[in-house]
Amino acid sequence: MRPPVIESIKIENYRALQNVEIDKLKPFTVLVGPNGSGKSTLFDVFAFMETCFTSGIRHAWDRRGGLRQLRSRGAKGPVSIQISYRETPQSRLMTYRLEIDEERGRPVVSRELLRCSRSPGPGRPSHILDFRHGDGDVVDDETGEIVRIISTGATNLR
């Protein structure tokens, strides 16, 4: 069984990577550049995401010194990481986006998005989940219905 293959990554406001997009990644990719250009920071993006998913966003955030150390100098807006990948070479393209900002000295997920292409070819992507500040929509995997999640509960939309 082969692991999922990342095809592209887009990073905004993450340390030295203020606005970087790398497309057409291959299973074997070599990064070359001068010191301080962001090569190690790109690898830290993956470590940051892993820590977010295993230990929580607050732990990943604090471990890197919070917003002051994490956000690119002079940047405004959230730290944003978007990864597009395929589970298998023949499967649909999945795109996951995580935007983290700070409110009252604490990290908050300002947006979380997961979408997939409708078919292996080009076409408008279908949203699986789309949350903004904890409220949003998620598609029920069994019924295909869109469920609205609000901090006080859930409501079926269709």
C-alpha atoms as a PDB file:
ATOM      1  CA  MET A   1       0.000   0.000   0.000  1.00  0.00           C
ATOM      2  CA  ARG A   2       1.407   3.369  -1.049  1.00  0.00           C
ATOM      3  CA  PRO A   3       1.093   6.484   1.107  1.00  0.00           C
ATOM      4  CA  PRO A   4      -0.878   9.483  -0.200  1.00  0.00           C
ATOM      5  CA  VAL A   5       1.080  11.720  -2.571  1.00  0.00           C
ATOM      6  CA  ILE A   6       1.173  15.472  -2.013  1.00  0.00           C
ATOM      7  CA  GLU A   7       0.855  17.298  -5.331  1.00  0.00           C
ATOM      8  CA  SER A   8       1.026  20.902  -4.159  1.00  0.00           C
ATOM      9  CA  ILE A   9       1.384  23.052  -1.074  1.00  0.00           C
ATOM     10  CA  LYS A  10       0.561  26.699  -0.505  1.00  0.00           C
ATOM     11  CA  ILE A  11       1.827  28.519   2.576  1.00  0.00           C
ATOM     12  CA  GLU A  12       1.010  32.041   3.690  1.00  0.00           C
ATOM     13  CA  ASN A  13       2.485  33.977   6.614  1.00  0.00           C
ATOM     14  CA  TYR A  14       4.462  31.063   8.093  1.00  0.00           C
ATOM     15  CA  ARG A  15       7.811  32.434   9.214  1.00  0.00           C
ATOM     16  CA  ALA A  16      10.024  33.026   6.144  1.00  0.00           C
ATOM     17  CA  LEU A  17       7.309  31.651   3.837  1.00  0.00           C
ATOM     18  CA  GLN A  18       5.081  34.683   3.400  1.00  0.00           C
ATOM     19  CA  ASN A  19       3.431  33.608   0.149  1.00  0.00           C
ATOM     20  CA  VAL A  20       4.808  30.375  -1.310  1.00  0.00           C
ATOM     21  CA  GLU A  21       3.142  27.904  -3.631  1.00  0.00           C
ATOM     22  CA  ILE A  22       4.842  24.770  -4.877  1.00  0.00           C
ATOM     23  CA  ASP A  23       2.968  22.873  -7.608  1.00  0.00           C
ATOM     24  CA  LYS A  24       3.587  19.586  -9.377  1.00  0.00           C
ATOM     25  CA  LEU A  25       5.448  17.979  -6.494  1.00  0.00           C
ATOM     26  CA  LYS A  26       6.744  14.500  -7.175  1.00  0.00           C
ATOM     27  CA  PRO A  27       7.360  11.680  -4.665  1.00  0.00           C
ATOM     28  CA  PHE A  28      11.039  12.638  -4.786  1.00  0.00           C
ATOM     29  CA  THR A  29      11.580  16.397  -4.646  1.00  0.00           C
ATOM     30  CA  VAL A  30      14.842  18.225  -3.986  1.00  0.00           C
ATOM     31  CA  LEU A  31      14.886  21.694  -2.425  1.00  0.00           C
ATOM     32  CA  VAL A  32      17.845  23.919  -3.261  1.00  0.00           C
ATOM     33  CA  GLY A  33      18.418  27.490  -2.122  1.00  0.00           C
ATOM     34  CA  PRO A  34      20.610  29.802  -0.084  1.00  0.00           C
ATOM     35  CA  ASN A  35      20.639  29.834   3.716  1.00  0.00           C
ATOM     36  CA  GLY A  36      17.570  31.557   5.139  1.00  0.00           C
ATOM     37  CA  SER A  37      15.431  30.980   2.039  1.00  0.00           C
ATOM     38  CA  GLY A  38      12.908  28.749   3.845  1.00  0.00           C
ATOM     39  CA  LYS A  39      13.945  25.163   3.079  1.00  0.00           C
ATOM     40  CA  SER A  40      13.920  24.088   6.743  1.00  0.00           C
ATOM     41  CA  THR A  41      10.801  26.156   7.347  1.00  0.00           C
ATOM     42  CA  LEU A  42       8.989  24.150   4.679  1.00  0.00           C
ATOM     43  CA  PHE A  43       9.791  20.955   6.580  1.00  0.00           C
ATOM     44  CA  ASP A  44       8.657  22.618   9.817  1.00  0.00           C
ATOM     45  CA  VAL A  45       5.270  23.271   8.194  1.00  0.00           C
ATOM     46  CA  PHE A  46       4.737  19.498   8.066  1.00  0.00           C
ATOM     47  CA  ALA A  47       5.945  19.088  11.659  1.00  0.00           C
ATOM     48  CA  PHE A  48       3.584  21.890  12.719  1.00  0.00           C
ATOM     49  CA  MET A  49       0.623  20.191  11.035  1.00  0.00           C
ATOM     50  CA  GLU A  50       1.532  16.837  12.626  1.00  0.00           C
ATOM     51  CA  THR A  51       1.672  18.462  16.076  1.00  0.00           C
ATOM     52  CA  CYS A  52      -1.654  20.225  15.457  1.00  0.00           C
ATOM     53  CA  PHE A  53      -3.343  16.907  14.675  1.00  0.00           C
ATOM     54  CA  THR A  54      -1.708  14.834  17.417  1.00  0.00           C
ATOM     55  CA  SER A  55      -1.245  17.259  20.337  1.00  0.00           C
ATOM     56  CA  GLY A  56      -3.502  20.169  19.431  1.00  0.00           C
ATOM     57  CA  ILE A  57      -3.128  23.568  17.850  1.00  0.00           C
ATOM     58  CA  ARG A  58      -2.311  25.316  21.120  1.00  0.00           C
ATOM     59  CA  HIS A  59       0.658  22.984  21.717  1.00  0.00           C
ATOM     60  CA  ALA A  60       1.982  23.432  18.154  1.00  0.00           C
ATOM     61  CA  TRP A  61       1.475  27.207  18.420  1.00  0.00           C
ATOM     62  CA  ASP A  62       3.153  27.578  21.813  1.00  0.00           C
ATOM     63  CA  ARG A  63       6.028  25.292  20.838  1.00  0.00           C
ATOM     64  CA  ARG A  64       6.947  27.745  18.080  1.00  0.00           C
ATOM     65  CA  GLY A  65       6.666  30.894  20.197  1.00  0.00           C
ATOM     66  CA  GLY A  66       3.111  31.909  19.319  1.00  0.00           C
ATOM     67  CA  LEU A  67       2.013  34.382  16.685  1.00  0.00           C
ATOM     68  CA  ARG A  68       4.949  36.716  17.133  1.00  0.00           C
ATOM     69  CA  GLN A  69       7.440  33.991  16.160  1.00  0.00           C
ATOM     70  CA  LEU A  70       5.219  32.081  13.740  1.00  0.00           C
ATOM     71  CA  ARG A  71       3.733  34.769  11.485  1.00  0.00           C
ATOM     72  CA  SER A  72       5.949  36.266   8.794  1.00  0.00           C
ATOM     73  CA  ARG A  73       7.431  39.636   9.754  1.00  0.00           C
ATOM     74  CA  GLY A  74       5.194  42.505   8.708  1.00  0.00           C
ATOM     75  CA  ALA A  75       2.427  40.151   7.561  1.00  0.00           C
ATOM     76  CA  LYS A  76      -1.245  40.591   8.330  1.00  0.00           C
ATOM     77  CA  GLY A  77      -3.868  37.880   8.403  1.00  0.00           C
ATOM     78  CA  PRO A  78      -3.806  34.254   9.455  1.00  0.00           C
ATOM     79  CA  VAL A  79      -1.079  31.680   9.084  1.00  0.00           C
ATOM     80  CA  SER A  80      -2.389  29.511   6.262  1.00  0.00           C
ATOM     81  CA  ILE A  81      -1.350  26.076   5.030  1.00  0.00           C
ATOM     82  CA  GLN A  82      -3.027  24.341   2.100  1.00  0.00           C
ATOM     83  CA  ILE A  83      -2.066  20.856   0.941  1.00  0.00           C
ATOM     84  CA  SER A  84      -3.445  19.102  -2.150  1.00  0.00           C
ATOM     85  CA  TYR A  85      -2.952  15.354  -2.361  1.00  0.00           C
ATOM     86  CA  ARG A  86      -4.240  12.078  -3.774  1.00  0.00           C
ATOM     87  CA  GLU A  87      -4.787   8.946  -1.691  1.00  0.00           C
ATOM     88  CA  THR A  88      -3.781   6.866  -4.727  1.00  0.00           C
ATOM     89  CA  PRO A  89      -2.586   7.983  -8.181  1.00  0.00           C
ATOM     90  CA  GLN A  90      -6.075   7.286  -9.612  1.00  0.00           C
ATOM     91  CA  SER A  91      -8.124   8.895  -6.816  1.00  0.00           C
ATOM     92  CA  ARG A  92      -9.655  12.338  -6.718  1.00  0.00           C
ATOM     93  CA  LEU A  93      -7.567  15.331  -5.697  1.00  0.00           C
ATOM     94  CA  MET A  94      -8.163  16.296  -2.053  1.00  0.00           C
ATOM     95  CA  THR A  95      -7.349  19.769  -0.751  1.00  0.00           C
ATOM     96  CA  TYR A  96      -7.051  20.579   2.946  1.00  0.00           C
ATOM     97  CA  ARG A  97      -6.644  24.174   4.143  1.00  0.00           C
ATOM     98  CA  LEU A  98      -5.989  25.322   7.690  1.00  0.00           C
ATOM     99  CA  GLU A  99      -5.943  28.998   8.684  1.00  0.00           C
ATOM    100  CA  ILE A 100      -4.880  29.917  12.204  1.00  0.00           C
ATOM    101  CA  ASP A 101      -5.013  33.375  13.743  1.00  0.00           C
ATOM    102  CA  GLU A 102      -4.842  34.756  17.248  1.00  0.00           C
ATOM    103  CA  GLU A 103      -7.622  36.151  19.418  1.00  0.00           C
ATOM    104  CA  ARG A 104      -7.010  37.377  22.956  1.00  0.00           C
ATOM    105  CA  GLY A 105      -3.532  35.846  22.958  1.00  0.00           C
ATOM    106  CA  ARG A 106      -4.751  32.377  21.965  1.00  0.00           C
ATOM    107  CA  PRO A 107      -4.606  30.543  18.657  1.00  0.00           C
ATOM    108  CA  VAL A 108      -7.923  30.081  16.852  1.00  0.00           C
ATOM    109  CA  VAL A 109      -8.815  28.167  13.722  1.00  0.00           C
ATOM    110  CA  SER A 110     -10.223  30.948  11.590  1.00  0.00           C
ATOM    111  CA  ARG A 111     -10.940  28.547   8.722  1.00  0.00           C
ATOM    112  CA  GLU A 112     -10.697  24.838   8.033  1.00  0.00           C
ATOM    113  CA  LEU A 113     -11.597  23.471   4.633  1.00  0.00           C
ATOM    114  CA  LEU A 114     -11.545  20.033   3.022  1.00  0.00           C
ATOM    115  CA  ARG A 115     -12.665  19.573  -0.549  1.00  0.00           C
ATOM    116  CA  CYS A 116     -12.218  17.047  -3.314  1.00  0.00           C
ATOM    117  CA  SER A 117     -12.513  17.093  -7.064  1.00  0.00           C
ATOM    118  CA  ARG A 118     -15.713  15.506  -8.366  1.00  0.00           C
ATOM    119  CA  SER A 119     -13.795  13.246 -10.742  1.00  0.00           C
ATOM    120  CA  PRO A 120     -10.167  12.493 -11.537  1.00  0.00           C
ATOM    121  CA  GLY A 121     -10.228  15.206 -14.248  1.00  0.00           C
ATOM    122  CA  PRO A 122     -10.820  18.962 -14.011  1.00  0.00           C
ATOM    123  CA  GLY A 123     -14.023  20.272 -12.521  1.00  0.00           C
ATOM    124  CA  ARG A 124     -15.437  22.273  -9.666  1.00  0.00           C
ATOM    125  CA  PRO A 125     -14.414  20.773  -6.312  1.00  0.00           C
ATOM    126  CA  SER A 126     -16.952  19.495  -3.826  1.00  0.00           C
ATOM    127  CA  HIS A 127     -16.675  20.704  -0.237  1.00  0.00           C
ATOM    128  CA  ILE A 128     -16.559  18.006   2.408  1.00  0.00           C
ATOM    129  CA  LEU A 129     -16.198  20.433   5.268  1.00  0.00           C
ATOM    130  CA  ASP A 130     -15.936  24.189   5.529  1.00  0.00           C
ATOM    131  CA  PHE A 131     -15.640  25.786   8.956  1.00  0.00           C
ATOM    132  CA  ARG A 132     -15.066  29.386   9.962  1.00  0.00           C
ATOM    133  CA  HIS A 133     -14.398  30.083  13.634  1.00  0.00           C
ATOM    134  CA  GLY A 134     -15.985  26.761  14.665  1.00  0.00           C
ATOM    135  CA  ASP A 135     -19.195  27.079  12.662  1.00  0.00           C
ATOM    136  CA  GLY A 136     -19.710  25.563   9.243  1.00  0.00           C
ATOM    137  CA  ASP A 137     -20.893  22.769   7.031  1.00  0.00           C
ATOM    138  CA  VAL A 138     -19.875  19.140   6.771  1.00  0.00           C
ATOM    139  CA  VAL A 139     -21.128  16.478   4.373  1.00  0.00           C
ATOM    140  CA  ASP A 140     -22.530  13.362   6.066  1.00  0.00           C
ATOM    141  CA  ASP A 141     -20.542  10.516   4.518  1.00  0.00           C
ATOM    142  CA  GLU A 142     -23.430   8.015   4.709  1.00  0.00           C
ATOM    143  CA  THR A 143     -26.313  10.174   3.431  1.00  0.00           C
ATOM    144  CA  GLY A 144     -24.540  12.861   1.402  1.00  0.00           C
ATOM    145  CA  GLU A 145     -26.556  15.483   3.277  1.00  0.00           C
ATOM    146  CA  ILE A 146     -24.968  18.753   4.276  1.00  0.00           C
ATOM    147  CA  VAL A 147     -25.049  19.261   8.028  1.00  0.00           C
ATOM    148  CA  ARG A 148     -24.651  22.756   9.435  1.00  0.00           C
ATOM    149  CA  ILE A 149     -22.555  22.766  12.600  1.00  0.00           C
ATOM    150  CA  ILE A 150     -23.060  25.716  14.909  1.00  0.00           C
ATOM    151  CA  SER A 151     -21.434  25.968  18.316  1.00  0.00           C
ATOM    152  CA  THR A 152     -24.848  25.143  19.855  1.00  0.00           C
ATOM    153  CA  GLY A 153     -25.586  22.012  17.784  1.00  0.00           C
ATOM    154  CA  ALA A 154     -26.133  20.601  14.280  1.00  0.00           C
ATOM    155  CA  THR A 155     -28.841  21.124  11.665  1.00  0.00           C
ATOM    156  CA  ASN A 156     -29.442  19.220   8.395  1.00  0.00           C
ATOM    157  CA  LEU A 157     -29.579  21.566   5.398  1.00  0.00           C
ATOM    158  CA  ARG A 158     -30.886  19.055   2.820  1.00  0.00           C
END
